[in-house]
Amino acid sequence: MSLTEQREGIEAGRLDMFVDGAFAFTLTLLVIGGDVVPDSAAALLHVLGGIPAFAVCFWMIAFFWHGHVRWRRRCPRADATGRWLSLLLVFFALIFVYPLHMMFASLANMFSGGLLPSRFRLVGASEIRTLLVVYGIAFTCMAGTLTLLFWHAARRAQREGFSPLDAQREQLVWIVPALLGLASALIAVLMPLSAPPVLWSLPGFLYVLMFLIGPLTSRFRRRHGLA
């Protein structure tokens, strides 16, 4: 291994530690009790009511973090493009955590009939629209950045004489959520404020289409003869 490759490996390791630490920090912003320590059994039960929303948020943050882990496997050496896109992902993650928490805490509170606590209250269609748009844009930025990372990995593989297909398949994985987030935000923007409540669920239910990732990647594998 040349000195250049050793240096790039060290730089990649330092970048990954920074990204891992930043994602871990976002999880601390989701801590169910916030900065309040329960002082009674009733207060403890109230705080524990935030676990369902926290669990979903935890999974979402881990979902994006693991995307970066998978990217590193396909682009093990450091370069400027990968570094800046990784930092951009961290930047968006620190923004995404707030609409993420607000979205799922509000949903948990609503679907439980108020049984599960939430510090967030959405009053009226205007506030619902704002949350859906901000969440959709942040979601798109996260997934879009990972799409660009895998696009970069595919280009680098081609330049170095390797097959770009694996990175291109991963790129497809992230194009789907990026487009869904954008579509959700656009629907929320275009939805009349006078629309019935059932229609305001449409931008949220659009994310269910993420199940398309499986069939699309399977088709990609078959088409290109990947295992």
C-alpha atoms as a PDB file:
ATOM      1  CA  MET A   1       0.000   0.000   0.000  1.00  0.00           C
ATOM      2  CA  SER A   2       1.383   3.385  -1.013  1.00  0.00           C
ATOM      3  CA  LEU A   3       1.734   6.348   1.331  1.00  0.00           C
ATOM      4  CA  THR A   4      -1.075   8.104  -0.539  1.00  0.00           C
ATOM      5  CA  GLU A   5      -3.426   5.175   0.014  1.00  0.00           C
ATOM      6  CA  GLN A   6      -2.456   5.026   3.692  1.00  0.00           C
ATOM      7  CA  ARG A   7      -3.140   8.743   4.100  1.00  0.00           C
ATOM      8  CA  GLU A   8      -6.493   8.454   2.325  1.00  0.00           C
ATOM      9  CA  GLY A   9      -7.425   5.535   4.566  1.00  0.00           C
ATOM     10  CA  ILE A  10      -6.602   7.522   7.702  1.00  0.00           C
ATOM     11  CA  GLU A  11      -8.569  10.529   6.446  1.00  0.00           C
ATOM     12  CA  ALA A  12     -11.535   8.298   5.621  1.00  0.00           C
ATOM     13  CA  GLY A  13     -11.444   6.846   9.134  1.00  0.00           C
ATOM     14  CA  ARG A  14     -11.385  10.284  10.728  1.00  0.00           C
ATOM     15  CA  LEU A  15     -14.293  11.436   8.582  1.00  0.00           C
ATOM     16  CA  ASP A  16     -16.322   8.354   9.461  1.00  0.00           C
ATOM     17  CA  MET A  17     -15.705   8.885  13.179  1.00  0.00           C
ATOM     18  CA  PHE A  18     -16.933  12.456  12.830  1.00  0.00           C
ATOM     19  CA  VAL A  19     -20.051  11.371  10.919  1.00  0.00           C
ATOM     20  CA  ASP A  20     -20.766   8.591  13.430  1.00  0.00           C
ATOM     21  CA  GLY A  21     -20.382  11.024  16.311  1.00  0.00           C
ATOM     22  CA  ALA A  22     -22.649  13.577  14.658  1.00  0.00           C
ATOM     23  CA  PHE A  23     -25.384  11.010  14.083  1.00  0.00           C
ATOM     24  CA  ALA A  24     -25.016   9.847  17.681  1.00  0.00           C
ATOM     25  CA  PHE A  25     -25.435  13.455  18.780  1.00  0.00           C
ATOM     26  CA  THR A  26     -28.685  13.762  16.823  1.00  0.00           C
ATOM     27  CA  LEU A  27     -30.020  10.830  18.828  1.00  0.00           C
ATOM     28  CA  THR A  28     -29.325  12.687  22.059  1.00  0.00           C
ATOM     29  CA  LEU A  29     -31.599  15.452  20.770  1.00  0.00           C
ATOM     30  CA  LEU A  30     -34.399  12.876  20.655  1.00  0.00           C
ATOM     31  CA  VAL A  31     -34.010  11.678  24.246  1.00  0.00           C
ATOM     32  CA  ILE A  32     -37.518  10.966  25.488  1.00  0.00           C
ATOM     33  CA  GLY A  33     -37.353  13.038  28.645  1.00  0.00           C
ATOM     34  CA  GLY A  34     -35.600  16.033  27.189  1.00  0.00           C
ATOM     35  CA  ASP A  35     -33.735  17.858  29.924  1.00  0.00           C
ATOM     36  CA  VAL A  36     -36.338  16.984  32.566  1.00  0.00           C
ATOM     37  CA  VAL A  37     -35.564  14.244  35.094  1.00  0.00           C
ATOM     38  CA  PRO A  38     -38.746  12.522  36.350  1.00  0.00           C
ATOM     39  CA  ASP A  39     -39.337  13.187  40.035  1.00  0.00           C
ATOM     40  CA  SER A  40     -42.215  10.764  40.578  1.00  0.00           C
ATOM     41  CA  ALA A  41     -43.633   7.502  39.276  1.00  0.00           C
ATOM     42  CA  ALA A  42     -46.355   9.404  37.421  1.00  0.00           C
ATOM     43  CA  ALA A  43     -43.768  11.638  35.778  1.00  0.00           C
ATOM     44  CA  LEU A  44     -41.726   8.572  34.827  1.00  0.00           C
ATOM     45  CA  LEU A  45     -44.734   6.953  33.159  1.00  0.00           C
ATOM     46  CA  HIS A  46     -45.434  10.198  31.328  1.00  0.00           C
ATOM     47  CA  VAL A  47     -41.869  10.300  30.006  1.00  0.00           C
ATOM     48  CA  LEU A  48     -41.959   6.633  29.002  1.00  0.00           C
ATOM     49  CA  GLY A  49     -44.988   7.419  26.876  1.00  0.00           C
ATOM     50  CA  GLY A  50     -42.575   9.042  24.451  1.00  0.00           C
ATOM     51  CA  ILE A  51     -40.870   5.729  23.674  1.00  0.00           C
ATOM     52  CA  PRO A  52     -42.953   4.828  20.560  1.00  0.00           C
ATOM     53  CA  ALA A  53     -42.174   8.127  18.837  1.00  0.00           C
ATOM     54  CA  PHE A  54     -38.548   7.902  19.954  1.00  0.00           C
ATOM     55  CA  ALA A  55     -38.264   4.378  18.537  1.00  0.00           C
ATOM     56  CA  VAL A  56     -39.466   5.463  15.096  1.00  0.00           C
ATOM     57  CA  CYS A  57     -37.166   8.492  15.103  1.00  0.00           C
ATOM     58  CA  PHE A  58     -34.255   6.320  16.243  1.00  0.00           C
ATOM     59  CA  TRP A  59     -34.896   3.930  13.349  1.00  0.00           C
ATOM     60  CA  MET A  60     -35.058   6.775  10.826  1.00  0.00           C
ATOM     61  CA  ILE A  61     -31.762   8.283  11.972  1.00  0.00           C
ATOM     62  CA  ALA A  62     -30.157   4.814  11.935  1.00  0.00           C
ATOM     63  CA  PHE A  63     -31.555   4.248   8.427  1.00  0.00           C
ATOM     64  CA  PHE A  64     -29.701   7.265   7.057  1.00  0.00           C
ATOM     65  CA  TRP A  65     -26.571   6.601   9.109  1.00  0.00           C
ATOM     66  CA  HIS A  66     -26.391   3.060   7.753  1.00  0.00           C
ATOM     67  CA  GLY A  67     -26.655   4.488   4.255  1.00  0.00           C
ATOM     68  CA  HIS A  68     -23.398   6.322   4.877  1.00  0.00           C
ATOM     69  CA  VAL A  69     -21.840   3.134   6.258  1.00  0.00           C
ATOM     70  CA  ARG A  70     -22.812   1.277   3.082  1.00  0.00           C
ATOM     71  CA  TRP A  71     -21.394   4.091   0.970  1.00  0.00           C
ATOM     72  CA  ARG A  72     -18.033   3.822   2.725  1.00  0.00           C
ATOM     73  CA  ARG A  73     -17.853   0.126   1.883  1.00  0.00           C
ATOM     74  CA  ARG A  74     -18.036   1.078  -1.781  1.00  0.00           C
ATOM     75  CA  CYS A  75     -15.770   4.103  -1.531  1.00  0.00           C
ATOM     76  CA  PRO A  76     -13.145   3.198   1.092  1.00  0.00           C
ATOM     77  CA  ARG A  77     -10.653   5.931   0.227  1.00  0.00           C
ATOM     78  CA  ALA A  78     -11.026   9.606   1.050  1.00  0.00           C
ATOM     79  CA  ASP A  79     -11.451  12.358  -1.493  1.00  0.00           C
ATOM     80  CA  ALA A  80     -12.782  15.902  -1.473  1.00  0.00           C
ATOM     81  CA  THR A  81     -16.174  15.102  -3.001  1.00  0.00           C
ATOM     82  CA  GLY A  82     -16.919  12.323  -0.539  1.00  0.00           C
ATOM     83  CA  ARG A  83     -15.757  14.488   2.345  1.00  0.00           C
ATOM     84  CA  TRP A  84     -17.966  17.455   1.467  1.00  0.00           C
ATOM     85  CA  LEU A  85     -21.008  15.318   0.738  1.00  0.00           C
ATOM     86  CA  SER A  86     -20.543  13.509   4.058  1.00  0.00           C
ATOM     87  CA  LEU A  87     -20.377  16.835   5.873  1.00  0.00           C
ATOM     88  CA  LEU A  88     -23.483  17.949   4.000  1.00  0.00           C
ATOM     89  CA  LEU A  89     -25.265  14.817   5.213  1.00  0.00           C
ATOM     90  CA  VAL A  90     -24.339  15.682   8.800  1.00  0.00           C
ATOM     91  CA  PHE A  91     -25.577  19.240   8.281  1.00  0.00           C
ATOM     92  CA  PHE A  92     -28.943  18.011   7.045  1.00  0.00           C
ATOM     93  CA  ALA A  93     -29.180  15.391   9.815  1.00  0.00           C
ATOM     94  CA  LEU A  94     -28.897  18.070  12.487  1.00  0.00           C
ATOM     95  CA  ILE A  95     -31.788  19.907  10.820  1.00  0.00           C
ATOM     96  CA  PHE A  96     -33.867  16.825  10.021  1.00  0.00           C
ATOM     97  CA  VAL A  97     -33.983  15.692  13.642  1.00  0.00           C
ATOM     98  CA  TYR A  98     -36.389  18.480  14.635  1.00  0.00           C
ATOM     99  CA  PRO A  99     -39.186  17.978  12.077  1.00  0.00           C
ATOM    100  CA  LEU A 100     -38.640  14.222  12.485  1.00  0.00           C
ATOM    101  CA  HIS A 101     -39.303  14.354  16.218  1.00  0.00           C
ATOM    102  CA  MET A 102     -42.191  16.760  15.825  1.00  0.00           C
ATOM    103  CA  MET A 103     -43.804  14.610  13.132  1.00  0.00           C
ATOM    104  CA  PHE A 104     -43.798  11.303  14.977  1.00  0.00           C
ATOM    105  CA  ALA A 105     -44.461  12.685  18.445  1.00  0.00           C
ATOM    106  CA  SER A 106     -47.529  14.449  17.055  1.00  0.00           C
ATOM    107  CA  LEU A 107     -48.682  11.328  15.221  1.00  0.00           C
ATOM    108  CA  ALA A 108     -48.228   9.156  18.316  1.00  0.00           C
ATOM    109  CA  ASN A 109     -50.232  11.635  20.371  1.00  0.00           C
ATOM    110  CA  MET A 110     -52.985  11.820  17.755  1.00  0.00           C
ATOM    111  CA  PHE A 111     -53.365   8.089  17.108  1.00  0.00           C
ATOM    112  CA  SER A 112     -53.316   7.287  20.835  1.00  0.00           C
ATOM    113  CA  GLY A 113     -56.074   9.780  21.522  1.00  0.00           C
ATOM    114  CA  GLY A 114     -53.738  11.848  23.674  1.00  0.00           C
ATOM    115  CA  LEU A 115     -52.554   8.873  25.727  1.00  0.00           C
ATOM    116  CA  LEU A 116     -48.982   9.199  24.462  1.00  0.00           C
ATOM    117  CA  PRO A 117     -47.505  12.581  25.360  1.00  0.00           C
ATOM    118  CA  SER A 118     -46.194  15.152  22.929  1.00  0.00           C
ATOM    119  CA  ARG A 119     -44.665  18.557  23.496  1.00  0.00           C
ATOM    120  CA  PHE A 120     -45.861  19.533  20.041  1.00  0.00           C
ATOM    121  CA  ARG A 121     -49.353  20.678  19.154  1.00  0.00           C
ATOM    122  CA  LEU A 122     -50.464  21.218  15.580  1.00  0.00           C
ATOM    123  CA  VAL A 123     -53.352  23.650  15.369  1.00  0.00           C
ATOM    124  CA  GLY A 124     -55.051  24.002  12.022  1.00  0.00           C
ATOM    125  CA  ALA A 125     -54.225  23.055   8.454  1.00  0.00           C
ATOM    126  CA  SER A 126     -51.591  25.766   8.127  1.00  0.00           C
ATOM    127  CA  GLU A 127     -49.375  24.232  10.819  1.00  0.00           C
ATOM    128  CA  ILE A 128     -49.889  20.739   9.418  1.00  0.00           C
ATOM    129  CA  ARG A 129     -48.807  21.995   6.001  1.00  0.00           C
ATOM    130  CA  THR A 130     -45.709  23.638   7.456  1.00  0.00           C
ATOM    131  CA  LEU A 131     -44.632  20.448   9.211  1.00  0.00           C
ATOM    132  CA  LEU A 132     -45.262  18.254   6.156  1.00  0.00           C
ATOM    133  CA  VAL A 133     -43.335  20.591   3.868  1.00  0.00           C
ATOM    134  CA  VAL A 134     -40.365  21.010   6.208  1.00  0.00           C
ATOM    135  CA  TYR A 135     -40.227  17.279   6.909  1.00  0.00           C
ATOM    136  CA  GLY A 136     -40.484  16.416   3.212  1.00  0.00           C
ATOM    137  CA  ILE A 137     -37.736  18.833   2.212  1.00  0.00           C
ATOM    138  CA  ALA A 138     -35.426  17.652   5.007  1.00  0.00           C
ATOM    139  CA  PHE A 139     -36.132  14.010   4.124  1.00  0.00           C
ATOM    140  CA  THR A 140     -35.359  14.734   0.465  1.00  0.00           C
ATOM    141  CA  CYS A 141     -32.121  16.499   1.378  1.00  0.00           C
ATOM    142  CA  MET A 142     -30.962  13.521   3.449  1.00  0.00           C
ATOM    143  CA  ALA A 143     -31.838  10.916   0.823  1.00  0.00           C
ATOM    144  CA  GLY A 144     -30.643  13.143  -2.007  1.00  0.00           C
ATOM    145  CA  THR A 145     -27.228  13.566  -0.402  1.00  0.00           C
ATOM    146  CA  LEU A 146     -26.857   9.801  -0.092  1.00  0.00           C
ATOM    147  CA  THR A 147     -27.908   9.477  -3.732  1.00  0.00           C
ATOM    148  CA  LEU A 148     -25.079  11.838  -4.670  1.00  0.00           C
ATOM    149  CA  LEU A 149     -22.620   9.906  -2.508  1.00  0.00           C
ATOM    150  CA  PHE A 150     -23.395   6.661  -4.321  1.00  0.00           C
ATOM    151  CA  TRP A 151     -23.334   8.456  -7.675  1.00  0.00           C
ATOM    152  CA  HIS A 152     -19.841   9.620  -6.779  1.00  0.00           C
ATOM    153  CA  ALA A 153     -18.885   6.082  -5.701  1.00  0.00           C
ATOM    154  CA  ALA A 154     -20.083   4.703  -9.056  1.00  0.00           C
ATOM    155  CA  ARG A 155     -18.084   7.288 -11.004  1.00  0.00           C
ATOM    156  CA  ARG A 156     -14.976   6.605  -8.960  1.00  0.00           C
ATOM    157  CA  ALA A 157     -15.339   2.862  -9.477  1.00  0.00           C
ATOM    158  CA  GLN A 158     -15.507   3.415 -13.231  1.00  0.00           C
ATOM    159  CA  ARG A 159     -12.414   5.617 -13.200  1.00  0.00           C
ATOM    160  CA  GLU A 160     -10.487   2.981 -11.263  1.00  0.00           C
ATOM    161  CA  GLY A 161     -11.563   0.172 -13.583  1.00  0.00           C
ATOM    162  CA  PHE A 162     -14.126  -1.490 -11.305  1.00  0.00           C
ATOM    163  CA  SER A 163     -17.784  -2.249 -11.897  1.00  0.00           C
ATOM    164  CA  PRO A 164     -20.074   0.632 -10.856  1.00  0.00           C
ATOM    165  CA  LEU A 165     -23.183  -1.563 -10.725  1.00  0.00           C
ATOM    166  CA  ASP A 166     -23.210  -2.144  -6.983  1.00  0.00           C
ATOM    167  CA  ALA A 167     -22.965   1.575  -6.266  1.00  0.00           C
ATOM    168  CA  GLN A 168     -25.608   2.289  -8.898  1.00  0.00           C
ATOM    169  CA  ARG A 169     -27.955  -0.180  -7.215  1.00  0.00           C
ATOM    170  CA  GLU A 170     -27.437   1.604  -3.911  1.00  0.00           C
ATOM    171  CA  GLN A 171     -28.031   4.897  -5.681  1.00  0.00           C
ATOM    172  CA  LEU A 172     -31.427   3.581  -6.743  1.00  0.00           C
ATOM    173  CA  VAL A 173     -32.197   2.754  -3.106  1.00  0.00           C
ATOM    174  CA  TRP A 174     -31.902   6.433  -2.182  1.00  0.00           C
ATOM    175  CA  ILE A 175     -33.494   7.968  -5.263  1.00  0.00           C
ATOM    176  CA  VAL A 176     -36.853   6.501  -4.212  1.00  0.00           C
ATOM    177  CA  PRO A 177     -37.082   8.196  -0.776  1.00  0.00           C
ATOM    178  CA  ALA A 178     -35.660  11.421  -2.214  1.00  0.00           C
ATOM    179  CA  LEU A 179     -38.444  11.577  -4.797  1.00  0.00           C
ATOM    180  CA  LEU A 180     -41.108  10.580  -2.281  1.00  0.00           C
ATOM    181  CA  GLY A 181     -40.052  13.304   0.136  1.00  0.00           C
ATOM    182  CA  LEU A 182     -40.139  15.874  -2.638  1.00  0.00           C
ATOM    183  CA  ALA A 183     -43.542  14.687  -3.868  1.00  0.00           C
ATOM    184  CA  SER A 184     -44.920  14.764  -0.323  1.00  0.00           C
ATOM    185  CA  ALA A 185     -43.744  18.341   0.198  1.00  0.00           C
ATOM    186  CA  LEU A 186     -45.196  19.440  -3.149  1.00  0.00           C
ATOM    187  CA  ILE A 187     -48.573  17.861  -2.408  1.00  0.00           C
ATOM    188  CA  ALA A 188     -48.650  19.591   0.971  1.00  0.00           C
ATOM    189  CA  VAL A 189     -47.821  22.940  -0.639  1.00  0.00           C
ATOM    190  CA  LEU A 190     -50.508  22.557  -3.295  1.00  0.00           C
ATOM    191  CA  MET A 191     -53.173  21.222  -0.928  1.00  0.00           C
ATOM    192  CA  PRO A 192     -55.867  23.852  -0.239  1.00  0.00           C
ATOM    193  CA  LEU A 193     -56.070  24.784   3.429  1.00  0.00           C
ATOM    194  CA  SER A 194     -59.794  24.114   3.199  1.00  0.00           C
ATOM    195  CA  ALA A 195     -59.224  20.479   2.179  1.00  0.00           C
ATOM    196  CA  PRO A 196     -60.912  17.875   4.415  1.00  0.00           C
ATOM    197  CA  PRO A 197     -58.706  16.321   7.123  1.00  0.00           C
ATOM    198  CA  VAL A 198     -58.542  12.961   5.356  1.00  0.00           C
ATOM    199  CA  LEU A 199     -56.736  14.554   2.413  1.00  0.00           C
ATOM    200  CA  TRP A 200     -54.041  15.944   4.699  1.00  0.00           C
ATOM    201  CA  SER A 201     -53.000  12.359   5.410  1.00  0.00           C
ATOM    202  CA  LEU A 202     -52.059  11.868   1.742  1.00  0.00           C
ATOM    203  CA  PRO A 203     -48.595  13.522   1.914  1.00  0.00           C
ATOM    204  CA  GLY A 204     -47.737  11.315   4.882  1.00  0.00           C
ATOM    205  CA  PHE A 205     -49.060   8.074   3.439  1.00  0.00           C
ATOM    206  CA  LEU A 206     -46.973   8.702   0.333  1.00  0.00           C
ATOM    207  CA  TYR A 207     -43.939   7.449   2.275  1.00  0.00           C
ATOM    208  CA  VAL A 208     -45.529   3.995   2.334  1.00  0.00           C
ATOM    209  CA  LEU A 209     -44.352   3.735  -1.274  1.00  0.00           C
ATOM    210  CA  MET A 210     -40.826   3.229   0.028  1.00  0.00           C
ATOM    211  CA  PHE A 211     -41.644  -0.467  -0.232  1.00  0.00           C
ATOM    212  CA  LEU A 212     -40.899   0.015  -3.947  1.00  0.00           C
ATOM    213  CA  ILE A 213     -37.198   0.022  -3.079  1.00  0.00           C
ATOM    214  CA  GLY A 214     -37.236  -3.769  -2.802  1.00  0.00           C
ATOM    215  CA  PRO A 215     -38.843  -4.556  -6.182  1.00  0.00           C
ATOM    216  CA  LEU A 216     -36.805  -1.903  -7.988  1.00  0.00           C
ATOM    217  CA  THR A 217     -33.464  -3.103  -6.642  1.00  0.00           C
ATOM    218  CA  SER A 218     -34.425  -6.732  -7.332  1.00  0.00           C
ATOM    219  CA  ARG A 219     -35.212  -5.813 -10.919  1.00  0.00           C
ATOM    220  CA  PHE A 220     -31.883  -3.991 -11.176  1.00  0.00           C
ATOM    221  CA  ARG A 221     -30.052  -7.097  -9.941  1.00  0.00           C
ATOM    222  CA  ARG A 222     -31.802  -9.365 -12.431  1.00  0.00           C
ATOM    223  CA  ARG A 223     -31.246  -6.949 -15.287  1.00  0.00           C
ATOM    224  CA  HIS A 224     -27.510  -6.678 -14.637  1.00  0.00           C
ATOM    225  CA  GLY A 225     -26.922 -10.224 -13.420  1.00  0.00           C
ATOM    226  CA  LEU A 226     -25.967  -9.262  -9.878  1.00  0.00           C
ATOM    227  CA  ALA A 227     -26.082 -11.827  -7.089  1.00  0.00           C
END
